[in-house]
Protein backbone atom coordinates (compact mmCIF):
# COMPACT_ATOMS: atom_id res chain seq x y z
CA UNK A 1 -84.11 269.36 156.96
CA UNK A 2 -84.49 272.12 159.43
CA UNK A 3 -83.04 270.05 162.44
CA UNK A 4 -79.92 269.07 160.46
CA UNK A 5 -79.40 272.70 159.69
CA UNK A 6 -79.84 273.77 163.31
CA UNK A 7 -77.46 270.91 164.49
CA UNK A 8 -74.86 272.15 161.91
CA UNK A 9 -75.16 275.72 163.14
CA UNK A 10 -74.75 274.57 166.75
CA UNK A 11 -71.66 272.47 165.82
CA UNK A 12 -70.12 275.59 164.04
CA UNK A 13 -70.88 277.73 167.08
CA UNK A 14 -69.27 275.22 169.40
CA UNK A 15 -66.11 274.97 167.01
CA UNK A 16 -65.86 278.77 167.15
CA UNK A 17 -66.24 278.91 170.96
CA UNK A 18 -63.54 276.20 171.35
CA UNK A 19 -61.23 278.11 169.03
CA UNK A 20 -61.85 281.28 171.06
CA UNK A 21 -60.86 279.48 174.18
CA UNK A 22 -57.92 277.65 172.74
CA UNK A 23 -56.45 280.81 171.24
CA UNK A 24 -57.55 283.34 173.87
CA UNK A 25 -54.62 285.65 173.71
CA UNK A 26 -54.77 285.78 169.92
CA UNK A 27 -57.92 287.78 170.19
CA UNK A 28 -56.23 290.62 172.04
CA UNK A 29 -56.30 293.59 169.65
CA UNK A 30 -59.25 292.33 167.63
CA UNK A 31 -62.11 294.72 166.98
CA UNK A 32 -65.66 294.00 168.26
CA UNK A 33 -69.05 295.55 168.27
CA UNK A 34 -71.94 295.35 170.63
CA UNK A 35 -75.38 296.90 170.54
CA UNK A 36 -76.75 298.83 173.52
CA UNK A 37 -80.19 300.20 173.38
CA UNK A 38 -80.18 300.06 169.52
CA UNK A 39 -76.85 301.81 169.20
CA UNK A 40 -73.79 299.91 167.99
CA UNK A 41 -70.67 300.53 170.01
CA UNK A 42 -67.18 299.48 168.68
CA UNK A 43 -64.24 298.45 170.79
CA UNK A 44 -61.09 296.45 171.07
CA UNK A 45 -60.19 293.38 173.08
CA UNK A 46 -57.39 294.65 175.27
CA UNK A 47 -56.62 291.80 177.71
CA UNK A 48 -57.38 288.20 178.63
CA UNK A 49 -57.60 286.87 182.20
CA UNK A 50 -56.73 283.21 182.04
CA UNK A 51 -57.82 282.54 185.65
CA UNK A 52 -61.16 284.19 185.31
CA UNK A 53 -61.46 283.16 181.68
CA UNK A 54 -62.71 286.70 180.46
CA UNK A 55 -61.50 289.22 178.04
CA UNK A 56 -61.50 292.89 178.68
CA UNK A 57 -63.09 295.18 175.99
CA UNK A 58 -62.33 298.89 175.75
CA UNK A 59 -64.93 300.67 173.70
CA UNK A 60 -64.06 303.65 171.50
CA UNK A 61 -65.92 305.92 174.06
CA UNK A 62 -63.43 304.66 176.73
CA UNK A 63 -66.06 302.49 178.61
CA UNK A 64 -64.71 299.08 179.52
CA UNK A 65 -66.21 295.63 180.44
CA UNK A 66 -65.31 292.07 180.82
CA UNK A 67 -66.86 289.26 178.72
CA UNK A 68 -66.63 285.46 178.86
CA UNK A 69 -66.40 283.33 175.60
CA UNK A 70 -70.10 282.95 175.07
CA UNK A 71 -70.59 286.77 175.50
CA UNK A 72 -67.68 287.71 173.31
CA UNK A 73 -68.13 285.38 170.35
CA UNK A 74 -71.24 287.19 168.99
CA UNK A 75 -69.38 290.48 169.21
CA UNK A 76 -67.01 289.60 166.38
CA UNK A 77 -68.05 290.26 162.73
CA UNK A 78 -69.81 287.21 161.23
CA UNK A 79 -67.96 285.79 158.31
CA UNK A 80 -69.86 285.28 155.10
CA UNK A 81 -68.08 283.79 152.06
CA UNK A 82 -70.19 285.82 149.63
CA UNK A 83 -69.35 289.12 151.44
CA UNK A 84 -65.69 288.55 151.49
CA UNK A 85 -65.22 287.19 148.10
CA UNK A 86 -65.04 289.61 145.20
CA UNK A 87 -66.26 288.74 141.80
CA UNK A 88 -63.34 288.20 139.54
CA UNK A 89 -63.48 289.59 136.00
CA UNK A 90 -63.67 286.96 133.27
CA UNK A 91 -61.00 286.92 130.57
CA UNK A 92 -63.29 288.74 128.18
CA UNK A 93 -64.01 291.52 130.71
CA UNK A 94 -60.27 291.99 131.29
CA UNK A 95 -59.72 292.14 127.58
CA UNK A 96 -62.54 294.75 127.17
CA UNK A 97 -60.99 296.87 129.87
CA UNK A 98 -57.72 296.86 127.85
CA UNK A 99 -59.67 298.25 124.78
CA UNK A 100 -60.52 301.42 126.68
CA UNK A 101 -57.24 303.25 125.86
CA UNK A 102 -57.61 306.96 126.53
CA UNK A 103 -59.36 307.88 123.22
CA UNK A 104 -61.00 310.80 124.82
CA UNK A 105 -58.76 313.25 122.85
């Protein structure tokens, strides 16, 4: 039930945090978004400090800040299988598209 779903969500979050930490430099150049006072600001991860374990973010308005893994993780777009997958046409739909030769003469 509910608690199993919550445990699964926490496990997924922990896996994403671990990946972020294990591949810290791979996130340099990635785009992020953060909401301040109801306004969304977009930026880019520009650097990683391994000693301090934080990433530097430069926002499109040239503001900058440092964020640790827990602060940075929610700034990345959340993946959603339904949002990223496009509906493929069935064979019949593809065949119907072929029937639409330019008969507008």
